[in-house]
Amino acid sequence: MQKKISKLPFKGTPEQAAALQKVIDANKHDSSRLMGVMHEAQNIYGYLPIEVQQVIADGMGVPLEKVYGVATFYAQFSLSPKGEYNISVCLGTACYVKGSGDLMDKLKELLGIDAEECTADGRFSLTACRCIGACGLAPVLTVNDDVYGRLTTDDIPGILAKYGK
C-alpha cells in the first residue's frame, strides 16, 4: 500500500522546531542515526510532513530523497497526521471476508476522507491495518484503544457518535 501525503497544511510550532533542532544537533555528526532522528521527529510532530523531512535532511547532511525513501519504506513512519481519534479498520483475511471492506467504505463516506487521511478539523483519521488478533470478533475496528467487533455498516454511525461525530 502506497503511503499518502497529507493534504492538510503543515502547522508546526516554534517549540516543536526547537525540540527537533535539539535532536538533530545531538545526532548530526553520525548519519547512521537518521532513523533515530526520524523517530524522534515523528514523536514530536505526530507524523513526518515534507517540511520536517527537509529540516532533517538539511540538519543531518543527507539528501531529502534519502529521508523520504526511509519514511515511505518503513511502516512505522506516517506522512499524514493522526486525528484525535484514529480509527483503524482491520483488513486481515477473517475481517475482510466478514465485511470490513464495507466498514471502511462507510467510514470514508461518513468522514469524507480516504484511508491514511485526517479530517480537516483534526478530530478523526482513518487507517487500514492488517490482523489485530481479534479474528473471533471479525470484522473489527479500533478507535484509539477501544475495540469494536462483530460489526455491520449500520453500527458505524453510532460508533462515530460516541466520539462527537
Protein backbone atom coordinates (compact mmCIF):
# COMPACT_ATOMS: atom_id res chain seq x y z
CA MET A 1 0.00 0.00 0.00
CA GLN A 2 1.42 3.35 -1.01
CA LYS A 3 1.60 5.96 1.74
CA LYS A 4 -0.45 9.08 1.30
CA ILE A 5 0.96 12.52 1.77
CA SER A 6 -1.19 14.83 3.86
CA LYS A 7 -3.37 17.35 2.05
CA LEU A 8 -3.62 19.44 5.21
CA PRO A 9 -1.29 22.42 5.60
CA PHE A 10 1.64 21.87 7.95
CA LYS A 11 1.24 23.64 11.31
CA GLY A 12 4.40 23.23 13.34
CA THR A 13 5.08 25.27 16.46
CA PRO A 14 8.30 27.03 17.49
CA GLU A 15 8.51 24.61 20.45
CA GLN A 16 8.35 21.62 18.11
CA ALA A 17 11.00 23.16 15.85
CA ALA A 18 13.29 23.74 18.84
CA ALA A 19 12.79 20.17 20.07
CA LEU A 20 13.61 18.78 16.61
CA GLN A 21 16.68 21.00 16.31
CA LYS A 22 17.94 19.70 19.65
CA VAL A 23 17.59 16.11 18.41
CA ILE A 24 19.34 16.94 15.14
CA ASP A 25 22.18 18.76 16.92
CA ALA A 26 22.79 15.73 19.13
CA ASN A 27 22.97 13.38 16.12
CA LYS A 28 24.09 15.39 13.08
CA HIS A 29 27.65 14.09 13.13
CA ASP A 30 26.53 10.48 12.57
CA SER A 31 24.34 9.87 9.51
CA SER A 32 23.68 6.32 10.74
CA ARG A 33 21.37 7.97 13.33
CA LEU A 34 18.98 9.13 10.59
CA MET A 35 16.20 6.68 11.51
CA GLY A 36 16.52 7.57 15.19
CA VAL A 37 16.18 11.26 14.36
CA MET A 38 13.17 10.49 12.18
CA HIS A 39 11.55 8.53 15.02
CA GLU A 40 12.10 11.43 17.39
CA ALA A 41 10.71 13.87 14.81
CA GLN A 42 7.59 11.75 14.44
CA ASN A 43 7.22 11.69 18.24
CA ILE A 44 7.44 15.49 18.25
CA TYR A 45 5.07 16.17 15.34
CA GLY A 46 2.96 13.01 15.23
CA TYR A 47 3.92 12.42 11.60
CA LEU A 48 6.63 13.36 9.08
CA PRO A 49 5.42 16.09 6.73
CA ILE A 50 7.74 17.07 3.89
CA GLU A 51 8.68 20.28 5.74
CA VAL A 52 10.02 18.24 8.67
CA GLN A 53 11.76 15.82 6.32
CA GLN A 54 13.56 18.79 4.73
CA VAL A 55 14.75 20.07 8.13
CA ILE A 56 16.03 16.58 8.97
CA ALA A 57 17.80 16.26 5.61
CA ASP A 58 19.45 19.67 5.94
CA GLY A 59 20.40 19.11 9.57
CA MET A 60 21.76 15.60 9.06
CA GLY A 61 23.54 16.47 5.82
CA VAL A 62 21.72 13.87 3.74
CA PRO A 63 19.61 14.30 0.60
CA LEU A 64 15.88 14.83 1.08
CA GLU A 65 15.36 11.81 -1.19
CA LYS A 66 17.03 9.59 1.39
CA VAL A 67 14.83 10.84 4.22
CA TYR A 68 11.73 10.46 2.05
CA GLY A 69 12.84 6.98 0.97
CA VAL A 70 13.19 5.84 4.59
CA ALA A 71 9.85 7.45 5.54
CA THR A 72 7.99 5.68 2.73
CA PHE A 73 9.75 2.31 3.10
CA TYR A 74 9.21 1.66 6.80
CA ALA A 75 5.65 1.11 8.05
CA GLN A 76 6.24 2.87 11.37
CA PHE A 77 6.55 6.26 9.68
CA SER A 78 3.47 8.26 8.70
CA LEU A 79 3.29 11.06 6.14
CA SER A 80 -0.16 12.11 7.33
CA PRO A 81 -1.24 13.42 10.72
CA LYS A 82 -3.30 11.24 13.01
CA GLY A 83 -6.55 12.61 14.34
CA GLU A 84 -7.57 12.94 17.94
CA TYR A 85 -9.48 9.73 17.23
CA ASN A 86 -7.58 7.33 14.98
CA ILE A 87 -9.92 4.75 13.50
CA SER A 88 -8.15 1.62 12.35
CA VAL A 89 -10.10 -0.93 10.31
CA CYS A 90 -8.73 -4.47 10.20
CA LEU A 91 -8.48 -5.71 6.63
CA GLY A 92 -6.94 -9.04 7.57
CA THR A 93 -8.43 -12.15 6.00
CA ALA A 94 -11.03 -13.04 8.65
CA CYS A 95 -12.24 -9.44 8.95
CA TYR A 96 -12.24 -8.81 5.22
CA VAL A 97 -14.25 -11.96 4.50
CA LYS A 98 -16.81 -10.84 7.08
CA GLY A 99 -17.22 -7.34 5.63
CA SER A 100 -14.52 -4.99 6.89
CA GLY A 101 -14.13 -3.55 3.38
CA ASP A 102 -17.74 -2.35 3.63
CA LEU A 103 -16.99 -0.85 7.06
CA MET A 104 -14.05 1.05 5.56
CA ASP A 105 -16.24 2.34 2.71
CA LYS A 106 -18.91 3.53 5.18
CA LEU A 107 -16.31 5.33 7.29
CA LYS A 108 -14.85 7.02 4.20
CA GLU A 109 -18.33 8.18 3.25
CA LEU A 110 -19.28 9.49 6.70
CA LEU A 111 -15.93 11.12 7.49
CA GLY A 112 -15.31 12.47 3.99
CA ILE A 113 -11.73 11.17 3.95
CA ASP A 114 -9.86 8.25 2.47
CA ALA A 115 -7.67 5.72 4.25
CA GLU A 116 -4.47 7.27 5.65
CA GLU A 117 -6.08 10.71 5.80
CA CYS A 118 -7.21 13.03 8.58
CA THR A 119 -10.31 15.20 8.71
CA ALA A 120 -9.66 18.91 8.26
CA ASP A 121 -10.63 19.60 11.88
CA GLY A 122 -8.05 17.07 13.11
CA ARG A 123 -10.64 15.03 15.01
CA PHE A 124 -10.61 11.78 13.00
CA SER A 125 -8.08 9.84 10.98
CA LEU A 126 -8.69 6.59 9.15
CA THR A 127 -6.17 3.78 8.83
CA ALA A 128 -6.29 0.37 7.20
CA CYS A 129 -4.42 -2.29 9.13
CA ARG A 130 -3.78 -6.00 8.93
CA CYS A 131 -4.75 -8.57 11.54
CA ILE A 132 -5.05 -7.16 15.07
CA GLY A 133 -5.52 -10.58 16.64
CA ALA A 134 -9.24 -10.38 17.30
CA CYS A 135 -10.35 -12.72 14.50
CA GLY A 136 -13.14 -14.20 16.63
CA LEU A 137 -14.77 -10.76 16.68
CA ALA A 138 -14.47 -10.18 12.93
CA PRO A 139 -14.97 -7.69 11.45
CA VAL A 140 -13.12 -5.42 13.86
CA LEU A 141 -12.12 -1.78 14.07
CA THR A 142 -10.44 0.24 16.77
CA VAL A 143 -10.83 3.85 17.78
CA ASN A 144 -7.61 4.64 19.60
CA ASP A 145 -7.57 1.85 22.24
CA ASP A 146 -11.28 0.98 22.04
CA VAL A 147 -12.05 -2.26 20.15
CA TYR A 148 -15.34 -2.83 18.33
CA GLY A 149 -16.20 -6.24 16.90
CA ARG A 150 -18.89 -8.19 15.05
CA LEU A 151 -19.80 -5.00 13.21
CA THR A 152 -22.05 -4.12 10.32
CA THR A 153 -22.17 -0.85 8.42
CA ASP A 154 -25.27 0.05 10.45
CA ASP A 155 -23.08 0.19 13.58
CA ILE A 156 -20.73 2.85 12.20
CA PRO A 157 -22.86 6.00 12.82
CA GLY A 158 -23.37 5.02 16.46
CA ILE A 159 -19.66 4.42 16.99
CA LEU A 160 -18.78 7.79 15.46
CA ALA A 161 -21.43 9.48 17.63
CA LYS A 162 -19.59 8.28 20.76
CA TYR A 163 -16.65 10.42 19.65
CA GLY A 164 -18.61 13.52 18.73
CA LYS A 165 -19.32 12.94 15.03
